[in-house]
């Protein structure tokens, strides 16, 4: 059972779930940035920008993993 869960992270559905959870994180960062702008809180705004950069990097890594998993699939390109 543990081996099955370990291989799930490297499957297409696991990558899609990771992408979705990262997207939900992006919504939270957007709310944080909006609140920081309305409060004129520079430190929170910097924190939101760094978090957004981390999310973008994470999404790029997950996209690369998805492309690597799809190399065998003719329809994905």
PDB file of N, CA and C in Angstrom:
ATOM      1  N   UNK A   1       0.817  -1.190   0.000  1.00  0.00           N
ATOM      2  CA  UNK A   1       0.000   0.000   0.000  1.00  0.00           C
ATOM      3  C   UNK A   1       0.867   1.263   0.000  1.00  0.00           C
ATOM      4  N   UNK A   2       1.936   1.275   0.772  1.00  0.00           N
ATOM      5  CA  UNK A   2       2.799   2.452   0.827  1.00  0.00           C
ATOM      6  C   UNK A   2       3.492   2.683  -0.509  1.00  0.00           C
ATOM      7  N   UNK A   3       3.853   1.600  -1.180  1.00  0.00           N
ATOM      8  CA  UNK A   3       4.500   1.729  -2.484  1.00  0.00           C
ATOM      9  C   UNK A   3       3.544   2.344  -3.501  1.00  0.00           C
ATOM     10  N   UNK A   4       2.273   1.966  -3.401  1.00  0.00           N
ATOM     11  CA  UNK A   4       1.266   2.524  -4.296  1.00  0.00           C
ATOM     12  C   UNK A   4       1.149   4.036  -4.091  1.00  0.00           C
ATOM     13  N   UNK A   5       1.155   4.483  -2.839  1.00  0.00           N
ATOM     14  CA  UNK A   5       1.052   5.906  -2.545  1.00  0.00           C
ATOM     15  C   UNK A   5       2.313   6.646  -2.987  1.00  0.00           C
ATOM     16  N   UNK A   6       3.457   5.993  -2.876  1.00  0.00           N
ATOM     17  CA  UNK A   6       4.704   6.629  -3.279  1.00  0.00           C
ATOM     18  C   UNK A   6       4.732   6.854  -4.791  1.00  0.00           C
ATOM     19  N   UNK A   7       4.247   5.890  -5.553  1.00  0.00           N
ATOM     20  CA  UNK A   7       4.227   6.021  -7.008  1.00  0.00           C
ATOM     21  C   UNK A   7       3.139   6.972  -7.491  1.00  0.00           C
ATOM     22  N   UNK A   8       2.173   7.304  -6.627  1.00  0.00           N
ATOM     23  CA  UNK A   8       1.093   8.205  -7.017  1.00  0.00           C
ATOM     24  C   UNK A   8       1.631   9.602  -7.313  1.00  0.00           C
ATOM     25  N   UNK A   9       2.653  10.043  -6.573  1.00  0.00           N
ATOM     26  CA  UNK A   9       3.218  11.368  -6.799  1.00  0.00           C
ATOM     27  C   UNK A   9       3.826  11.490  -8.182  1.00  0.00           C
ATOM     28  N   UNK A  10       4.277  10.399  -8.746  1.00  0.00           N
ATOM     29  CA  UNK A  10       4.918  10.434 -10.051  1.00  0.00           C
ATOM     30  C   UNK A  10       3.945  10.113 -11.178  1.00  0.00           C
ATOM     31  N   UNK A  11       2.676   9.963 -10.857  1.00  0.00           N
ATOM     32  CA  UNK A  11       1.684   9.678 -11.884  1.00  0.00           C
ATOM     33  C   UNK A  11       1.072  10.988 -12.383  1.00  0.00           C
ATOM     34  N   UNK A  12       0.389  10.907 -13.510  1.00  0.00           N
ATOM     35  CA  UNK A  12      -0.251  12.102 -14.068  1.00  0.00           C
ATOM     36  C   UNK A  12      -1.307  12.656 -13.128  1.00  0.00           C
ATOM     37  N   UNK A  13      -2.100  11.775 -12.533  1.00  0.00           N
ATOM     38  CA  UNK A  13      -3.142  12.269 -11.633  1.00  0.00           C
ATOM     39  C   UNK A  13      -2.526  12.915 -10.396  1.00  0.00           C
ATOM     40  N   UNK A  14      -1.398  12.394  -9.918  1.00  0.00           N
ATOM     41  CA  UNK A  14      -0.720  13.013  -8.789  1.00  0.00           C
ATOM     42  C   UNK A  14      -0.202  14.397  -9.123  1.00  0.00           C
ATOM     43  N   UNK A  15       0.313  14.556 -10.335  1.00  0.00           N
ATOM     44  CA  UNK A  15       0.805  15.867 -10.762  1.00  0.00           C
ATOM     45  C   UNK A  15      -0.362  16.842 -10.910  1.00  0.00           C
ATOM     46  N   UNK A  16      -1.485  16.371 -11.448  1.00  0.00           N
ATOM     47  CA  UNK A  16      -2.657  17.242 -11.577  1.00  0.00           C
ATOM     48  C   UNK A  16      -3.157  17.698 -10.208  1.00  0.00           C
ATOM     49  N   UNK A  17      -3.159  16.808  -9.237  1.00  0.00           N
ATOM     50  CA  UNK A  17      -3.593  17.175  -7.891  1.00  0.00           C
ATOM     51  C   UNK A  17      -2.628  18.188  -7.286  1.00  0.00           C
ATOM     52  N   UNK A  18      -1.337  18.008  -7.523  1.00  0.00           N
ATOM     53  CA  UNK A  18      -0.347  18.967  -7.039  1.00  0.00           C
ATOM     54  C   UNK A  18      -0.537  20.325  -7.691  1.00  0.00           C
ATOM     55  N   UNK A  19      -0.817  20.336  -8.986  1.00  0.00           N
ATOM     56  CA  UNK A  19      -1.087  21.600  -9.680  1.00  0.00           C
ATOM     57  C   UNK A  19      -2.313  22.301  -9.092  1.00  0.00           C
ATOM     58  N   UNK A  20      -3.356  21.535  -8.819  1.00  0.00           N
ATOM     59  CA  UNK A  20      -4.581  22.120  -8.259  1.00  0.00           C
ATOM     60  C   UNK A  20      -4.329  22.697  -6.872  1.00  0.00           C
ATOM     61  N   UNK A  21      -3.589  21.978  -6.034  1.00  0.00           N
ATOM     62  CA  UNK A  21      -3.329  22.491  -4.692  1.00  0.00           C
ATOM     63  C   UNK A  21      -2.430  23.725  -4.744  1.00  0.00           C
ATOM     64  N   UNK A  22      -1.512  23.762  -5.690  1.00  0.00           N
ATOM     65  CA  UNK A  22      -0.671  24.947  -5.857  1.00  0.00           C
ATOM     66  C   UNK A  22      -1.502  26.129  -6.334  1.00  0.00           C
ATOM     67  N   UNK A  23      -2.482  25.866  -7.189  1.00  0.00           N
ATOM     68  CA  UNK A  23      -3.365  26.937  -7.660  1.00  0.00           C
ATOM     69  C   UNK A  23      -4.184  27.509  -6.501  1.00  0.00           C
ATOM     70  N   UNK A  24      -4.636  26.655  -5.588  1.00  0.00           N
ATOM     71  CA  UNK A  24      -5.355  27.158  -4.419  1.00  0.00           C
ATOM     72  C   UNK A  24      -4.436  28.011  -3.552  1.00  0.00           C
ATOM     73  N   UNK A  25      -3.167  27.660  -3.489  1.00  0.00           N
ATOM     74  CA  UNK A  25      -2.200  28.477  -2.772  1.00  0.00           C
ATOM     75  C   UNK A  25      -2.052  29.845  -3.417  1.00  0.00           C
ATOM     76  N   UNK A  26      -2.135  29.873  -4.733  1.00  0.00           N
ATOM     77  CA  UNK A  26      -2.035  31.142  -5.455  1.00  0.00           C
ATOM     78  C   UNK A  26      -3.200  32.061  -5.112  1.00  0.00           C
ATOM     79  N   UNK A  27      -4.372  31.497  -4.902  1.00  0.00           N
ATOM     80  CA  UNK A  27      -5.538  32.299  -4.521  1.00  0.00           C
ATOM     81  C   UNK A  27      -5.295  32.944  -3.161  1.00  0.00           C
ATOM     82  N   UNK A  28      -4.732  32.187  -2.243  1.00  0.00           N
ATOM     83  CA  UNK A  28      -4.423  32.710  -0.916  1.00  0.00           C
ATOM     84  C   UNK A  28      -3.395  33.834  -0.983  1.00  0.00           C
ATOM     85  N   UNK A  29      -2.383  33.676  -1.822  1.00  0.00           N
ATOM     86  CA  UNK A  29      -1.357  34.711  -1.971  1.00  0.00           C
ATOM     87  C   UNK A  29      -1.959  35.968  -2.599  1.00  0.00           C
ATOM     88  N   UNK A  30      -2.860  35.790  -3.540  1.00  0.00           N
ATOM     89  CA  UNK A  30      -3.511  36.955  -4.160  1.00  0.00           C
ATOM     90  C   UNK A  30      -4.330  37.731  -3.130  1.00  0.00           C
ATOM     91  N   UNK A  31      -5.036  37.012  -2.252  1.00  0.00           N
ATOM     92  CA  UNK A  31      -5.794  37.682  -1.196  1.00  0.00           C
ATOM     93  C   UNK A  31      -4.857  38.421  -0.242  1.00  0.00           C
ATOM     94  N   UNK A  32      -3.724  37.779   0.077  1.00  0.00           N
ATOM     95  CA  UNK A  32      -2.751  38.404   0.967  1.00  0.00           C
ATOM     96  C   UNK A  32      -2.192  39.682   0.335  1.00  0.00           C
ATOM     97  N   UNK A  33      -1.895  39.648  -0.948  1.00  0.00           N
ATOM     98  CA  UNK A  33      -1.361  40.823  -1.632  1.00  0.00           C
ATOM     99  C   UNK A  33      -2.396  41.946  -1.672  1.00  0.00           C
ATOM    100  N   UNK A  34      -3.646  41.594  -1.909  1.00  0.00           N
ATOM    101  CA  UNK A  34      -4.701  42.604  -1.958  1.00  0.00           C
ATOM    102  C   UNK A  34      -4.860  43.273  -0.598  1.00  0.00           C
ATOM    103  N   UNK A  35      -4.836  42.462   0.462  1.00  0.00           N
ATOM    104  CA  UNK A  35      -4.966  43.011   1.802  1.00  0.00           C
ATOM    105  C   UNK A  35      -3.766  43.901   2.141  1.00  0.00           C
ATOM    106  N   UNK A  36      -2.584  43.499   1.713  1.00  0.00           N
ATOM    107  CA  UNK A  36      -1.376  44.281   1.980  1.00  0.00           C
ATOM    108  C   UNK A  36      -1.428  45.627   1.258  1.00  0.00           C
ATOM    109  N   UNK A  37      -1.961  45.621   0.040  1.00  0.00           N
ATOM    110  CA  UNK A  37      -2.068  46.880  -0.705  1.00  0.00           C
ATOM    111  C   UNK A  37      -3.070  47.825  -0.064  1.00  0.00           C
ATOM    112  N   UNK A  38      -4.185  47.294   0.414  1.00  0.00           N
ATOM    113  CA  UNK A  38      -5.189  48.169   1.028  1.00  0.00           C
ATOM    114  C   UNK A  38      -4.695  48.717   2.369  1.00  0.00           C
ATOM    115  N   UNK A  39      -3.878  47.935   3.093  1.00  0.00           N
ATOM    116  CA  UNK A  39      -3.349  48.394   4.381  1.00  0.00           C
ATOM    117  C   UNK A  39      -2.029  49.151   4.242  1.00  0.00           C
ATOM    118  N   UNK A  40      -1.525  49.267   3.021  1.00  0.00           N
ATOM    119  CA  UNK A  40      -0.214  49.880   2.777  1.00  0.00           C
ATOM    120  C   UNK A  40       0.882  49.234   3.616  1.00  0.00           C
ATOM    121  N   UNK A  41       0.841  47.907   3.705  1.00  0.00           N
ATOM    122  CA  UNK A  41       1.811  47.147   4.494  1.00  0.00           C
ATOM    123  C   UNK A  41       2.875  46.591   3.545  1.00  0.00           C
ATOM    124  N   UNK A  42       4.019  47.233   3.529  1.00  0.00           N
ATOM    125  CA  UNK A  42       5.084  46.856   2.593  1.00  0.00           C
ATOM    126  C   UNK A  42       5.639  45.476   2.892  1.00  0.00           C
ATOM    127  N   UNK A  43       5.779  45.148   4.168  1.00  0.00           N
ATOM    128  CA  UNK A  43       6.355  43.851   4.534  1.00  0.00           C
ATOM    129  C   UNK A  43       5.462  42.694   4.085  1.00  0.00           C
ATOM    130  N   UNK A  44       4.151  42.839   4.264  1.00  0.00           N
ATOM    131  CA  UNK A  44       3.230  41.807   3.787  1.00  0.00           C
ATOM    132  C   UNK A  44       3.240  41.714   2.261  1.00  0.00           C
ATOM    133  N   UNK A  45       3.383  42.853   1.614  1.00  0.00           N
ATOM    134  CA  UNK A  45       3.424  42.867   0.157  1.00  0.00           C
ATOM    135  C   UNK A  45       4.676  42.153  -0.350  1.00  0.00           C
ATOM    136  N   UNK A  46       5.803  42.365   0.308  1.00  0.00           N
ATOM    137  CA  UNK A  46       7.033  41.660  -0.061  1.00  0.00           C
ATOM    138  C   UNK A  46       6.873  40.165   0.179  1.00  0.00           C
ATOM    139  N   UNK A  47       6.245  39.792   1.298  1.00  0.00           N
ATOM    140  CA  UNK A  47       6.001  38.382   1.593  1.00  0.00           C
ATOM    141  C   UNK A  47       5.113  37.750   0.526  1.00  0.00           C
ATOM    142  N   UNK A  48       4.098  38.462   0.086  1.00  0.00           N
ATOM    143  CA  UNK A  48       3.210  37.946  -0.963  1.00  0.00           C
ATOM    144  C   UNK A  48       3.958  37.789  -2.282  1.00  0.00           C
ATOM    145  N   UNK A  49       4.851  38.732  -2.577  1.00  0.00           N
ATOM    146  CA  UNK A  49       5.622  38.645  -3.824  1.00  0.00           C
ATOM    147  C   UNK A  49       6.567  37.452  -3.810  1.00  0.00           C
ATOM    148  N   UNK A  50       7.215  37.211  -2.668  1.00  0.00           N
ATOM    149  CA  UNK A  50       8.118  36.061  -2.558  1.00  0.00           C
ATOM    150  C   UNK A  50       7.319  34.765  -2.638  1.00  0.00           C
ATOM    151  N   UNK A  51       6.166  34.732  -1.996  1.00  0.00           N
ATOM    152  CA  UNK A  51       5.310  33.543  -2.069  1.00  0.00           C
ATOM    153  C   UNK A  51       4.820  33.300  -3.491  1.00  0.00           C
ATOM    154  N   UNK A  52       4.496  34.371  -4.197  1.00  0.00           N
ATOM    155  CA  UNK A  52       4.054  34.240  -5.585  1.00  0.00           C
ATOM    156  C   UNK A  52       5.175  33.697  -6.464  1.00  0.00           C
ATOM    157  N   UNK A  53       6.400  34.146  -6.214  1.00  0.00           N
ATOM    158  CA  UNK A  53       7.538  33.625  -6.977  1.00  0.00           C
ATOM    159  C   UNK A  53       7.734  32.134  -6.702  1.00  0.00           C
ATOM    160  N   UNK A  54       7.538  31.727  -5.458  1.00  0.00           N
ATOM    161  CA  UNK A  54       7.659  30.305  -5.117  1.00  0.00           C
ATOM    162  C   UNK A  54       6.568  29.486  -5.798  1.00  0.00           C
ATOM    163  N   UNK A  55       5.377  30.038  -5.881  1.00  0.00           N
ATOM    164  CA  UNK A  55       4.273  29.327  -6.535  1.00  0.00           C
ATOM    165  C   UNK A  55       4.543  29.196  -8.026  1.00  0.00           C
ATOM    166  N   UNK A  56       5.036  30.254  -8.651  1.00  0.00           N
ATOM    167  CA  UNK A  56       5.345  30.198 -10.083  1.00  0.00           C
ATOM    168  C   UNK A  56       6.420  29.150 -10.354  1.00  0.00           C
ATOM    169  N   UNK A  57       7.431  29.127  -9.505  1.00  0.00           N
ATOM    170  CA  UNK A  57       8.494  28.133  -9.665  1.00  0.00           C
ATOM    171  C   UNK A  57       7.948  26.720  -9.485  1.00  0.00           C
ATOM    172  N   UNK A  58       7.110  26.536  -8.482  1.00  0.00           N
ATOM    173  CA  UNK A  58       6.500  25.225  -8.250  1.00  0.00           C
ATOM    174  C   UNK A  58       5.638  24.770  -9.410  1.00  0.00           C
ATOM    175  N   UNK A  59       4.874  25.689  -9.957  1.00  0.00           N
ATOM    176  CA  UNK A  59       4.037  25.342 -11.112  1.00  0.00           C
ATOM    177  C   UNK A  59       4.894  24.974 -12.318  1.00  0.00           C
ATOM    178  N   UNK A  60       6.004  25.676 -12.509  1.00  0.00           N
ATOM    179  CA  UNK A  60       6.895  25.353 -13.625  1.00  0.00           C
ATOM    180  C   UNK A  60       7.499  23.968 -13.458  1.00  0.00           C
ATOM    181  N   UNK A  61       7.878  23.629 -12.245  1.00  0.00           N
ATOM    182  CA  UNK A  61       8.437  22.301 -11.988  1.00  0.00           C
ATOM    183  C   UNK A  61       7.390  21.232 -12.227  1.00  0.00           C
ATOM    184  N   UNK A  62       6.163  21.464 -11.759  1.00  0.00           N
ATOM    185  CA  UNK A  62       5.101  20.486 -11.971  1.00  0.00           C
ATOM    186  C   UNK A  62       4.753  20.352 -13.451  1.00  0.00           C
ATOM    187  N   UNK A  63       4.768  21.463 -14.175  1.00  0.00           N
ATOM    188  CA  UNK A  63       4.504  21.414 -15.619  1.00  0.00           C
ATOM    189  C   UNK A  63       5.583  20.597 -16.333  1.00  0.00           C
ATOM    190  N   UNK A  64       6.831  20.809 -15.930  1.00  0.00           N
ATOM    191  CA  UNK A  64       7.925  20.034 -16.523  1.00  0.00           C
ATOM    192  C   UNK A  64       7.751  18.544 -16.236  1.00  0.00           C
ATOM    193  N   UNK A  65       7.346  18.212 -15.020  1.00  0.00           N
ATOM    194  CA  UNK A  65       7.113  16.815 -14.656  1.00  0.00           C
ATOM    195  C   UNK A  65       5.967  16.227 -15.474  1.00  0.00           C
ATOM    196  N   UNK A  66       4.930  17.018 -15.684  1.00  0.00           N
ATOM    197  CA  UNK A  66       3.800  16.560 -16.488  1.00  0.00           C
ATOM    198  C   UNK A  66       4.215  16.325 -17.931  1.00  0.00           C
ATOM    199  N   UNK A  67       5.036  17.222 -18.473  1.00  0.00           N
ATOM    200  CA  UNK A  67       5.529  17.033 -19.846  1.00  0.00           C
ATOM    201  C   UNK A  67       6.398  15.777 -19.931  1.00  0.00           C
ATOM    202  N   UNK A  68       7.210  15.529 -18.909  1.00  0.00           N
ATOM    203  CA  UNK A  68       8.078  14.350 -18.923  1.00  0.00           C
ATOM    204  C   UNK A  68       7.241  13.066 -18.857  1.00  0.00           C
ATOM    205  N   UNK A  69       6.177  13.090 -18.071  1.00  0.00           N
ATOM    206  CA  UNK A  69       5.300  11.927 -18.000  1.00  0.00           C
ATOM    207  C   UNK A  69       4.546  11.731 -19.314  1.00  0.00           C
ATOM    208  N   UNK A  70       4.296  12.832 -20.026  1.00  0.00           N
ATOM    209  CA  UNK A  70       3.540  12.767 -21.269  1.00  0.00           C
ATOM    210  C   UNK A  70       4.377  12.514 -22.490  1.00  0.00           C
ATOM    211  N   UNK A  71       5.696  12.328 -22.347  1.00  0.00           N
ATOM    212  CA  UNK A  71       6.542  12.090 -23.507  1.00  0.00           C
ATOM    213  C   UNK A  71       6.151  10.835 -24.275  1.00  0.00           C
ATOM    214  N   UNK A  72       5.604   9.868 -23.558  1.00  0.00           N
ATOM    215  CA  UNK A  72       5.170   8.623 -24.215  1.00  0.00           C
ATOM    216  C   UNK A  72       3.834   8.793 -24.911  1.00  0.00           C
ATOM    217  N   UNK A  73       3.084   9.789 -24.529  1.00  0.00           N
ATOM    218  CA  UNK A  73       1.755   9.998 -25.079  1.00  0.00           C
ATOM    219  C   UNK A  73       1.843  10.818 -26.362  1.00  0.00           C
ATOM    220  N   UNK A  74       1.317  10.294 -27.458  1.00  0.00           N
ATOM    221  CA  UNK A  74       1.381  10.956 -28.744  1.00  0.00           C
ATOM    222  C   UNK A  74       0.467  12.177 -28.762  1.00  0.00           C
ATOM    223  N   UNK A  75      -0.657  12.147 -28.043  1.00  0.00           N
ATOM    224  CA  UNK A  75      -1.625  13.232 -28.093  1.00  0.00           C
ATOM    225  C   UNK A  75      -1.170  14.469 -27.325  1.00  0.00           C
ATOM    226  N   UNK A  76      -0.314  14.294 -26.290  1.00  0.00           N
ATOM    227  CA  UNK A  76       0.141  15.443 -25.507  1.00  0.00           C
ATOM    228  C   UNK A  76       1.171  16.283 -26.244  1.00  0.00           C
ATOM    229  N   UNK A  77       1.890  15.700 -27.152  1.00  0.00           N
ATOM    230  CA  UNK A  77       2.851  16.465 -27.934  1.00  0.00           C
ATOM    231  C   UNK A  77       4.155  16.582 -27.362  1.00  0.00           C
TER     232      UNK A  77
END
